[in-house]
Amino acid sequence: LQGLQELNVRVILGERLDFESLQHTSKGSSEPRVVRTLSGQTITADLLLLCTGQVPNTKLLRDMDPRTIVTDTGLACVLRTMQL
């Protein structure tokens, strides 16, 4: 995040994009894209990177050894040595 801010890249966190606003952008166009967040914020960008949170599929680990999964988050519990 700090590196992006040093490059004057505007990073928006904690917002959800109104996907309806994406339908009004033309793919492959060199013109800036204008999209809208669910809170009504309008964003104009030359480059738009859609990054969404994903839930990891840790079912295999959970089935093998439930202790490898953090109960609250469902994430794999990885030690600094990259061991489960």
C-alpha atoms as a PDB file:
ATOM      1  CA  LEU A   1       0.000   0.000   0.000  1.00  0.00           C
ATOM      2  CA  GLN A   2       2.804   2.390   0.898  1.00  0.00           C
ATOM      3  CA  GLY A   3       4.545   1.745  -2.425  1.00  0.00           C
ATOM      4  CA  LEU A   4       1.372   2.496  -4.354  1.00  0.00           C
ATOM      5  CA  GLN A   5       0.808   5.685  -2.392  1.00  0.00           C
ATOM      6  CA  GLU A   6       4.389   6.787  -3.125  1.00  0.00           C
ATOM      7  CA  LEU A   7       3.575   6.368  -6.831  1.00  0.00           C
ATOM      8  CA  ASN A   8       0.435   8.511  -6.403  1.00  0.00           C
ATOM      9  CA  VAL A   9      -1.833   5.547  -7.077  1.00  0.00           C
ATOM     10  CA  ARG A  10      -5.236   6.031  -5.502  1.00  0.00           C
ATOM     11  CA  VAL A  11      -6.109   2.879  -3.594  1.00  0.00           C
ATOM     12  CA  ILE A  12      -9.702   2.490  -2.426  1.00  0.00           C
ATOM     13  CA  LEU A  13     -10.362  -0.026   0.321  1.00  0.00           C
ATOM     14  CA  GLY A  14     -13.578  -1.000   2.068  1.00  0.00           C
ATOM     15  CA  GLU A  15     -15.818  -0.058  -0.859  1.00  0.00           C
ATOM     16  CA  ARG A  16     -17.936  -2.253  -3.091  1.00  0.00           C
ATOM     17  CA  LEU A  17     -18.257  -1.547  -6.772  1.00  0.00           C
ATOM     18  CA  ASP A  18     -21.693  -1.139  -8.318  1.00  0.00           C
ATOM     19  CA  PHE A  19     -21.323  -3.726 -11.064  1.00  0.00           C
ATOM     20  CA  GLU A  20     -24.125  -2.080 -13.022  1.00  0.00           C
ATOM     21  CA  SER A  21     -21.747   0.830 -13.647  1.00  0.00           C
ATOM     22  CA  LEU A  22     -19.275  -1.569 -15.300  1.00  0.00           C
ATOM     23  CA  GLN A  23     -21.753  -2.346 -18.066  1.00  0.00           C
ATOM     24  CA  HIS A  24     -21.484   1.225 -19.308  1.00  0.00           C
ATOM     25  CA  THR A  25     -17.734   1.020 -19.914  1.00  0.00           C
ATOM     26  CA  SER A  26     -16.384  -0.023 -23.273  1.00  0.00           C
ATOM     27  CA  LYS A  27     -13.856  -2.843 -23.179  1.00  0.00           C
ATOM     28  CA  GLY A  28     -10.628  -2.246 -25.064  1.00  0.00           C
ATOM     29  CA  SER A  29     -11.192   1.505 -25.223  1.00  0.00           C
ATOM     30  CA  SER A  30      -8.311   3.862 -24.454  1.00  0.00           C
ATOM     31  CA  GLU A  31     -10.702   6.358 -22.883  1.00  0.00           C
ATOM     32  CA  PRO A  32     -10.860   6.611 -19.080  1.00  0.00           C
ATOM     33  CA  ARG A  33     -13.432   4.408 -17.421  1.00  0.00           C
ATOM     34  CA  VAL A  34     -15.967   5.829 -15.001  1.00  0.00           C
ATOM     35  CA  VAL A  35     -17.445   3.493 -12.405  1.00  0.00           C
ATOM     36  CA  ARG A  36     -19.473   3.982  -9.243  1.00  0.00           C
ATOM     37  CA  THR A  37     -19.355   2.438  -5.787  1.00  0.00           C
ATOM     38  CA  LEU A  38     -22.426   1.325  -3.880  1.00  0.00           C
ATOM     39  CA  SER A  39     -21.995   4.364  -1.621  1.00  0.00           C
ATOM     40  CA  GLY A  40     -22.304   6.600  -4.709  1.00  0.00           C
ATOM     41  CA  GLN A  41     -18.641   7.555  -5.091  1.00  0.00           C
ATOM     42  CA  THR A  42     -17.684   8.085  -8.760  1.00  0.00           C
ATOM     43  CA  ILE A  43     -14.254   6.883  -9.844  1.00  0.00           C
ATOM     44  CA  THR A  44     -12.563   7.812 -13.111  1.00  0.00           C
ATOM     45  CA  ALA A  45      -9.566   5.675 -14.038  1.00  0.00           C
ATOM     46  CA  ASP A  46      -7.228   4.935 -16.906  1.00  0.00           C
ATOM     47  CA  LEU A  47      -6.697   1.451 -15.504  1.00  0.00           C
ATOM     48  CA  LEU A  48      -9.231  -0.426 -13.426  1.00  0.00           C
ATOM     49  CA  LEU A  49      -8.113  -3.482 -11.436  1.00  0.00           C
ATOM     50  CA  LEU A  50     -11.036  -5.378  -9.973  1.00  0.00           C
ATOM     51  CA  CYS A  51      -9.788  -7.113  -6.844  1.00  0.00           C
ATOM     52  CA  THR A  52     -12.243  -9.001  -4.712  1.00  0.00           C
ATOM     53  CA  GLY A  53     -11.861 -10.862  -1.484  1.00  0.00           C
ATOM     54  CA  GLN A  54     -11.819 -14.593  -1.862  1.00  0.00           C
ATOM     55  CA  VAL A  55     -12.550 -17.315   0.635  1.00  0.00           C
ATOM     56  CA  PRO A  56      -9.858 -19.993   0.500  1.00  0.00           C
ATOM     57  CA  ASN A  57     -10.940 -23.575  -0.043  1.00  0.00           C
ATOM     58  CA  THR A  58      -9.399 -25.228   3.007  1.00  0.00           C
ATOM     59  CA  LYS A  59     -11.807 -28.164   3.154  1.00  0.00           C
ATOM     60  CA  LEU A  60      -9.091 -30.700   2.307  1.00  0.00           C
ATOM     61  CA  LEU A  61      -6.891 -29.443   5.145  1.00  0.00           C
ATOM     62  CA  ARG A  62      -9.841 -29.350   7.550  1.00  0.00           C
ATOM     63  CA  ASP A  63     -10.764 -32.935   6.638  1.00  0.00           C
ATOM     64  CA  MET A  64      -7.166 -34.119   7.121  1.00  0.00           C
ATOM     65  CA  ASP A  65      -6.514 -32.250  10.380  1.00  0.00           C
ATOM     66  CA  PRO A  66      -8.965 -29.678  11.767  1.00  0.00           C
ATOM     67  CA  ARG A  67      -6.170 -28.145  13.883  1.00  0.00           C
ATOM     68  CA  THR A  68      -4.607 -26.690  10.715  1.00  0.00           C
ATOM     69  CA  ILE A  69      -7.537 -24.296  10.236  1.00  0.00           C
ATOM     70  CA  VAL A  70      -8.279 -21.145  12.244  1.00  0.00           C
ATOM     71  CA  THR A  71     -11.881 -21.674  13.333  1.00  0.00           C
ATOM     72  CA  ASP A  72     -12.944 -18.007  13.221  1.00  0.00           C
ATOM     73  CA  THR A  73     -11.637 -17.261   9.715  1.00  0.00           C
ATOM     74  CA  GLY A  74     -11.393 -20.606   7.933  1.00  0.00           C
ATOM     75  CA  LEU A  75      -7.810 -19.750   6.951  1.00  0.00           C
ATOM     76  CA  ALA A  76      -4.916 -22.194   7.143  1.00  0.00           C
ATOM     77  CA  CYS A  77      -2.725 -21.663  10.191  1.00  0.00           C
ATOM     78  CA  VAL A  78       0.784 -21.390   8.717  1.00  0.00           C
ATOM     79  CA  LEU A  79       3.909 -21.125  10.866  1.00  0.00           C
ATOM     80  CA  ARG A  80       6.804 -18.797   9.970  1.00  0.00           C
ATOM     81  CA  THR A  81       8.602 -21.912   8.737  1.00  0.00           C
ATOM     82  CA  MET A  82       5.793 -22.398   6.177  1.00  0.00           C
ATOM     83  CA  GLN A  83       4.532 -25.463   8.037  1.00  0.00           C
ATOM     84  CA  LEU A  84       0.914 -26.214   8.904  1.00  0.00           C
END
